[in-house]
Amino acid sequence: MIALEQEHPGYGFAVHKGYPTPAHLAALRQLGPCAQHRRSYAPVRQSLAQGALF
C-alpha cells in the first residue's frame, strides 16, 4: 500500500491500508477512482457513473 500511495498520491493508501475511511472517501470523490480501485465497490461505481475517470 505504501508503493501504491507513491504511485497514486492523494488517496492515503499508506495510512488506511485499503479500508474505507472518511478521508479516503473524500479523496475518491475529489480525485475519482484510480486503476487499482475495485469497480464493484459502491463509491467507485458511483464515481464512475458520474463520469470520473482514473
PDB file of N, CA and C in Angstrom:
ATOM      1  N   MET A   1       0.816  -1.182   0.000  1.00  0.00           N
ATOM      2  CA  MET A   1       0.000   0.000   0.000  1.00  0.00           C
ATOM      3  C   MET A   1       0.870   1.261   0.000  1.00  0.00           C
ATOM      4  N   ILE A   2       2.059   1.160   0.582  1.00  0.00           N
ATOM      5  CA  ILE A   2       2.957   2.311   0.580  1.00  0.00           C
ATOM      6  C   ILE A   2       3.402   2.636  -0.847  1.00  0.00           C
ATOM      7  N   ALA A   3       3.734   1.609  -1.617  1.00  0.00           N
ATOM      8  CA  ALA A   3       4.120   1.826  -3.013  1.00  0.00           C
ATOM      9  C   ALA A   3       2.947   2.378  -3.815  1.00  0.00           C
ATOM     10  N   LEU A   4       1.753   1.909  -3.523  1.00  0.00           N
ATOM     11  CA  LEU A   4       0.560   2.392  -4.212  1.00  0.00           C
ATOM     12  C   LEU A   4       0.324   3.869  -3.894  1.00  0.00           C
ATOM     13  N   GLU A   5       0.603   4.263  -2.658  1.00  0.00           N
ATOM     14  CA  GLU A   5       0.486   5.680  -2.281  1.00  0.00           C
ATOM     15  C   GLU A   5       1.454   6.528  -3.093  1.00  0.00           C
ATOM     16  N   GLN A   6       2.662   6.022  -3.346  1.00  0.00           N
ATOM     17  CA  GLN A   6       3.632   6.774  -4.142  1.00  0.00           C
ATOM     18  C   GLN A   6       3.193   6.873  -5.598  1.00  0.00           C
ATOM     19  N   GLU A   7       2.558   5.821  -6.085  1.00  0.00           N
ATOM     20  CA  GLU A   7       2.090   5.804  -7.470  1.00  0.00           C
ATOM     21  C   GLU A   7       0.840   6.661  -7.655  1.00  0.00           C
ATOM     22  N   HIS A   8      -0.015   6.682  -6.643  1.00  0.00           N
ATOM     23  CA  HIS A   8      -1.283   7.415  -6.706  1.00  0.00           C
ATOM     24  C   HIS A   8      -1.434   8.269  -5.446  1.00  0.00           C
ATOM     25  N   PRO A   9      -0.695   9.370  -5.345  1.00  0.00           N
ATOM     26  CA  PRO A   9      -0.776  10.198  -4.144  1.00  0.00           C
ATOM     27  C   PRO A   9      -2.148  10.855  -4.008  1.00  0.00           C
ATOM     28  N   GLY A  10      -2.518  11.099  -2.783  1.00  0.00           N
ATOM     29  CA  GLY A  10      -3.758  11.810  -2.521  1.00  0.00           C
ATOM     30  C   GLY A  10      -4.858  10.960  -1.938  1.00  0.00           C
ATOM     31  N   TYR A  11      -4.775   9.643  -2.115  1.00  0.00           N
ATOM     32  CA  TYR A  11      -5.819   8.748  -1.610  1.00  0.00           C
ATOM     33  C   TYR A  11      -5.553   8.280  -0.179  1.00  0.00           C
ATOM     34  N   GLY A  12      -4.324   8.412   0.287  1.00  0.00           N
ATOM     35  CA  GLY A  12      -3.986   7.980   1.632  1.00  0.00           C
ATOM     36  C   GLY A  12      -3.828   6.479   1.770  1.00  0.00           C
ATOM     37  N   PHE A  13      -3.492   5.792   0.693  1.00  0.00           N
ATOM     38  CA  PHE A  13      -3.364   4.335   0.735  1.00  0.00           C
ATOM     39  C   PHE A  13      -2.416   3.860   1.837  1.00  0.00           C
ATOM     40  N   ALA A  14      -1.319   4.561   2.046  1.00  0.00           N
ATOM     41  CA  ALA A  14      -0.324   4.125   3.032  1.00  0.00           C
ATOM     42  C   ALA A  14      -0.852   4.227   4.458  1.00  0.00           C
ATOM     43  N   VAL A  15      -1.867   5.040   4.661  1.00  0.00           N
ATOM     44  CA  VAL A  15      -2.391   5.265   6.004  1.00  0.00           C
ATOM     45  C   VAL A  15      -3.539   4.314   6.332  1.00  0.00           C
ATOM     46  N   HIS A  16      -4.466   4.148   5.397  1.00  0.00           N
ATOM     47  CA  HIS A  16      -5.662   3.366   5.728  1.00  0.00           C
ATOM     48  C   HIS A  16      -5.613   1.923   5.246  1.00  0.00           C
ATOM     49  N   LYS A  17      -4.593   1.548   4.522  1.00  0.00           N
ATOM     50  CA  LYS A  17      -4.370   0.163   4.087  1.00  0.00           C
ATOM     51  C   LYS A  17      -5.544  -0.431   3.305  1.00  0.00           C
ATOM     52  N   GLY A  18      -6.281   0.409   2.591  1.00  0.00           N
ATOM     53  CA  GLY A  18      -7.339  -0.090   1.728  1.00  0.00           C
ATOM     54  C   GLY A  18      -8.723  -0.099   2.342  1.00  0.00           C
ATOM     55  N   TYR A  19      -8.822   0.253   3.611  1.00  0.00           N
ATOM     56  CA  TYR A  19     -10.138   0.285   4.244  1.00  0.00           C
ATOM     57  C   TYR A  19     -10.793   1.642   3.989  1.00  0.00           C
ATOM     58  N   PRO A  20     -12.106   1.675   3.835  1.00  0.00           N
ATOM     59  CA  PRO A  20     -12.773   2.947   3.536  1.00  0.00           C
ATOM     60  C   PRO A  20     -12.830   3.858   4.758  1.00  0.00           C
ATOM     61  N   THR A  21     -12.045   4.897   4.750  1.00  0.00           N
ATOM     62  CA  THR A  21     -12.073   5.894   5.813  1.00  0.00           C
ATOM     63  C   THR A  21     -12.752   7.145   5.254  1.00  0.00           C
ATOM     64  N   PRO A  22     -13.237   8.021   6.110  1.00  0.00           N
ATOM     65  CA  PRO A  22     -13.830   9.262   5.601  1.00  0.00           C
ATOM     66  C   PRO A  22     -12.866  10.041   4.708  1.00  0.00           C
ATOM     67  N   ALA A  23     -11.584  10.073   5.065  1.00  0.00           N
ATOM     68  CA  ALA A  23     -10.603  10.791   4.246  1.00  0.00           C
ATOM     69  C   ALA A  23     -10.436  10.134   2.878  1.00  0.00           C
ATOM     70  N   HIS A  24     -10.421   8.804   2.845  1.00  0.00           N
ATOM     71  CA  HIS A  24     -10.280   8.114   1.556  1.00  0.00           C
ATOM     72  C   HIS A  24     -11.509   8.337   0.687  1.00  0.00           C
ATOM     73  N   LEU A  25     -12.686   8.278   1.286  1.00  0.00           N
ATOM     74  CA  LEU A  25     -13.911   8.511   0.519  1.00  0.00           C
ATOM     75  C   LEU A  25     -13.950   9.939  -0.021  1.00  0.00           C
ATOM     76  N   ALA A  26     -13.462  10.888   0.758  1.00  0.00           N
ATOM     77  CA  ALA A  26     -13.396  12.269   0.282  1.00  0.00           C
ATOM     78  C   ALA A  26     -12.427  12.390  -0.887  1.00  0.00           C
ATOM     79  N   ALA A  27     -11.278  11.720  -0.797  1.00  0.00           N
ATOM     80  CA  ALA A  27     -10.313  11.735  -1.896  1.00  0.00           C
ATOM     81  C   ALA A  27     -10.894  11.075  -3.136  1.00  0.00           C
ATOM     82  N   LEU A  28     -11.635  10.016  -2.947  1.00  0.00           N
ATOM     83  CA  LEU A  28     -12.271   9.337  -4.075  1.00  0.00           C
ATOM     84  C   LEU A  28     -13.266  10.269  -4.765  1.00  0.00           C
ATOM     85  N   ARG A  29     -14.023  11.026  -3.977  1.00  0.00           N
ATOM     86  CA  ARG A  29     -14.957  11.989  -4.570  1.00  0.00           C
ATOM     87  C   ARG A  29     -14.210  13.098  -5.303  1.00  0.00           C
ATOM     88  N   GLN A  30     -13.112  13.551  -4.730  1.00  0.00           N
ATOM     89  CA  GLN A  30     -12.362  14.658  -5.317  1.00  0.00           C
ATOM     90  C   GLN A  30     -11.534  14.222  -6.527  1.00  0.00           C
ATOM     91  N   LEU A  31     -10.833  13.098  -6.402  1.00  0.00           N
ATOM     92  CA  LEU A  31      -9.892  12.660  -7.436  1.00  0.00           C
ATOM     93  C   LEU A  31     -10.482  11.666  -8.423  1.00  0.00           C
ATOM     94  N   GLY A  32     -11.572  11.018  -8.025  1.00  0.00           N
ATOM     95  CA  GLY A  32     -12.111   9.924  -8.831  1.00  0.00           C
ATOM     96  C   GLY A  32     -11.295   8.669  -8.569  1.00  0.00           C
ATOM     97  N   PRO A  33     -11.734   7.531  -9.055  1.00  0.00           N
ATOM     98  CA  PRO A  33     -11.016   6.286  -8.821  1.00  0.00           C
ATOM     99  C   PRO A  33      -9.750   6.179  -9.665  1.00  0.00           C
ATOM    100  N   CYS A  34      -8.759   5.494  -9.116  1.00  0.00           N
ATOM    101  CA  CYS A  34      -7.563   5.176  -9.899  1.00  0.00           C
ATOM    102  C   CYS A  34      -7.715   3.743 -10.413  1.00  0.00           C
ATOM    103  N   ALA A  35      -6.769   3.282 -11.164  1.00  0.00           N
ATOM    104  CA  ALA A  35      -6.855   1.956 -11.786  1.00  0.00           C
ATOM    105  C   ALA A  35      -6.942   0.827 -10.757  1.00  0.00           C
ATOM    106  N   GLN A  36      -6.438   1.051  -9.534  1.00  0.00           N
ATOM    107  CA  GLN A  36      -6.438  -0.002  -8.528  1.00  0.00           C
ATOM    108  C   GLN A  36      -7.748  -0.090  -7.739  1.00  0.00           C
ATOM    109  N   HIS A  37      -8.626   0.868  -7.873  1.00  0.00           N
ATOM    110  CA  HIS A  37      -9.891   0.805  -7.140  1.00  0.00           C
ATOM    111  C   HIS A  37     -10.799  -0.269  -7.751  1.00  0.00           C
ATOM    112  N   ARG A  38     -11.416  -1.053  -6.860  1.00  0.00           N
ATOM    113  CA  ARG A  38     -12.351  -2.087  -7.322  1.00  0.00           C
ATOM    114  C   ARG A  38     -13.599  -1.434  -7.897  1.00  0.00           C
ATOM    115  N   ARG A  39     -13.949  -1.795  -9.102  1.00  0.00           N
ATOM    116  CA  ARG A  39     -15.129  -1.227  -9.756  1.00  0.00           C
ATOM    117  C   ARG A  39     -16.427  -1.710  -9.109  1.00  0.00           C
ATOM    118  N   SER A  40     -16.366  -2.801  -8.339  1.00  0.00           N
ATOM    119  CA  SER A  40     -17.555  -3.322  -7.671  1.00  0.00           C
ATOM    120  C   SER A  40     -17.845  -2.599  -6.359  1.00  0.00           C
ATOM    121  N   TYR A  41     -16.918  -1.774  -5.868  1.00  0.00           N
ATOM    122  CA  TYR A  41     -17.088  -1.035  -4.620  1.00  0.00           C
ATOM    123  C   TYR A  41     -18.049   0.130  -4.885  1.00  0.00           C
ATOM    124  N   ALA A  42     -19.119   0.215  -4.100  1.00  0.00           N
ATOM    125  CA  ALA A  42     -20.195   1.171  -4.369  1.00  0.00           C
ATOM    126  C   ALA A  42     -19.718   2.611  -4.583  1.00  0.00           C
ATOM    127  N   PRO A  43     -18.833   3.173  -3.745  1.00  0.00           N
ATOM    128  CA  PRO A  43     -18.397   4.549  -4.018  1.00  0.00           C
ATOM    129  C   PRO A  43     -17.650   4.693  -5.346  1.00  0.00           C
ATOM    130  N   VAL A  44     -16.945   3.666  -5.765  1.00  0.00           N
ATOM    131  CA  VAL A  44     -16.253   3.716  -7.059  1.00  0.00           C
ATOM    132  C   VAL A  44     -17.279   3.646  -8.187  1.00  0.00           C
ATOM    133  N   ARG A  45     -18.248   2.759  -8.073  1.00  0.00           N
ATOM    134  CA  ARG A  45     -19.307   2.672  -9.083  1.00  0.00           C
ATOM    135  C   ARG A  45     -20.014   4.013  -9.232  1.00  0.00           C
ATOM    136  N   GLN A  46     -20.322   4.651  -8.101  1.00  0.00           N
ATOM    137  CA  GLN A  46     -20.989   5.947  -8.136  1.00  0.00           C
ATOM    138  C   GLN A  46     -20.121   7.000  -8.817  1.00  0.00           C
ATOM    139  N   SER A  47     -18.851   6.987  -8.505  1.00  0.00           N
ATOM    140  CA  SER A  47     -17.929   7.939  -9.104  1.00  0.00           C
ATOM    141  C   SER A  47     -17.842   7.734 -10.601  1.00  0.00           C
ATOM    142  N   LEU A  48     -17.752   6.490 -11.027  1.00  0.00           N
ATOM    143  CA  LEU A  48     -17.681   6.198 -12.454  1.00  0.00           C
ATOM    144  C   LEU A  48     -18.975   6.572 -13.170  1.00  0.00           C
ATOM    145  N   ALA A  49     -20.100   6.378 -12.496  1.00  0.00           N
ATOM    146  CA  ALA A  49     -21.394   6.735 -13.096  1.00  0.00           C
ATOM    147  C   ALA A  49     -21.503   8.240 -13.299  1.00  0.00           C
ATOM    148  N   GLN A  50     -20.777   9.018 -12.483  1.00  0.00           N
ATOM    149  CA  GLN A  50     -20.785  10.479 -12.604  1.00  0.00           C
ATOM    150  C   GLN A  50     -19.751  10.965 -13.607  1.00  0.00           C
ATOM    151  N   GLY A  51     -19.013  10.048 -14.197  1.00  0.00           N
ATOM    152  CA  GLY A  51     -18.062  10.407 -15.236  1.00  0.00           C
ATOM    153  C   GLY A  51     -16.628  10.618 -14.762  1.00  0.00           C
ATOM    154  N   ALA A  52     -16.327  10.293 -13.518  1.00  0.00           N
ATOM    155  CA  ALA A  52     -14.948  10.440 -13.035  1.00  0.00           C
ATOM    156  C   ALA A  52     -14.121   9.271 -13.541  1.00  0.00           C
ATOM    157  N   LEU A  53     -13.029   9.568 -14.191  1.00  0.00           N
ATOM    158  CA  LEU A  53     -12.155   8.522 -14.721  1.00  0.00           C
ATOM    159  C   LEU A  53     -10.811   8.583 -14.018  1.00  0.00           C
ATOM    160  N   PHE A  54     -10.071   7.474 -14.072  1.00  0.00           N
ATOM    161  CA  PHE A  54      -8.739   7.461 -13.455  1.00  0.00           C
ATOM    162  C   PHE A  54      -7.705   7.938 -14.431  1.00  0.00           C
TER     163      PHE A  54
END
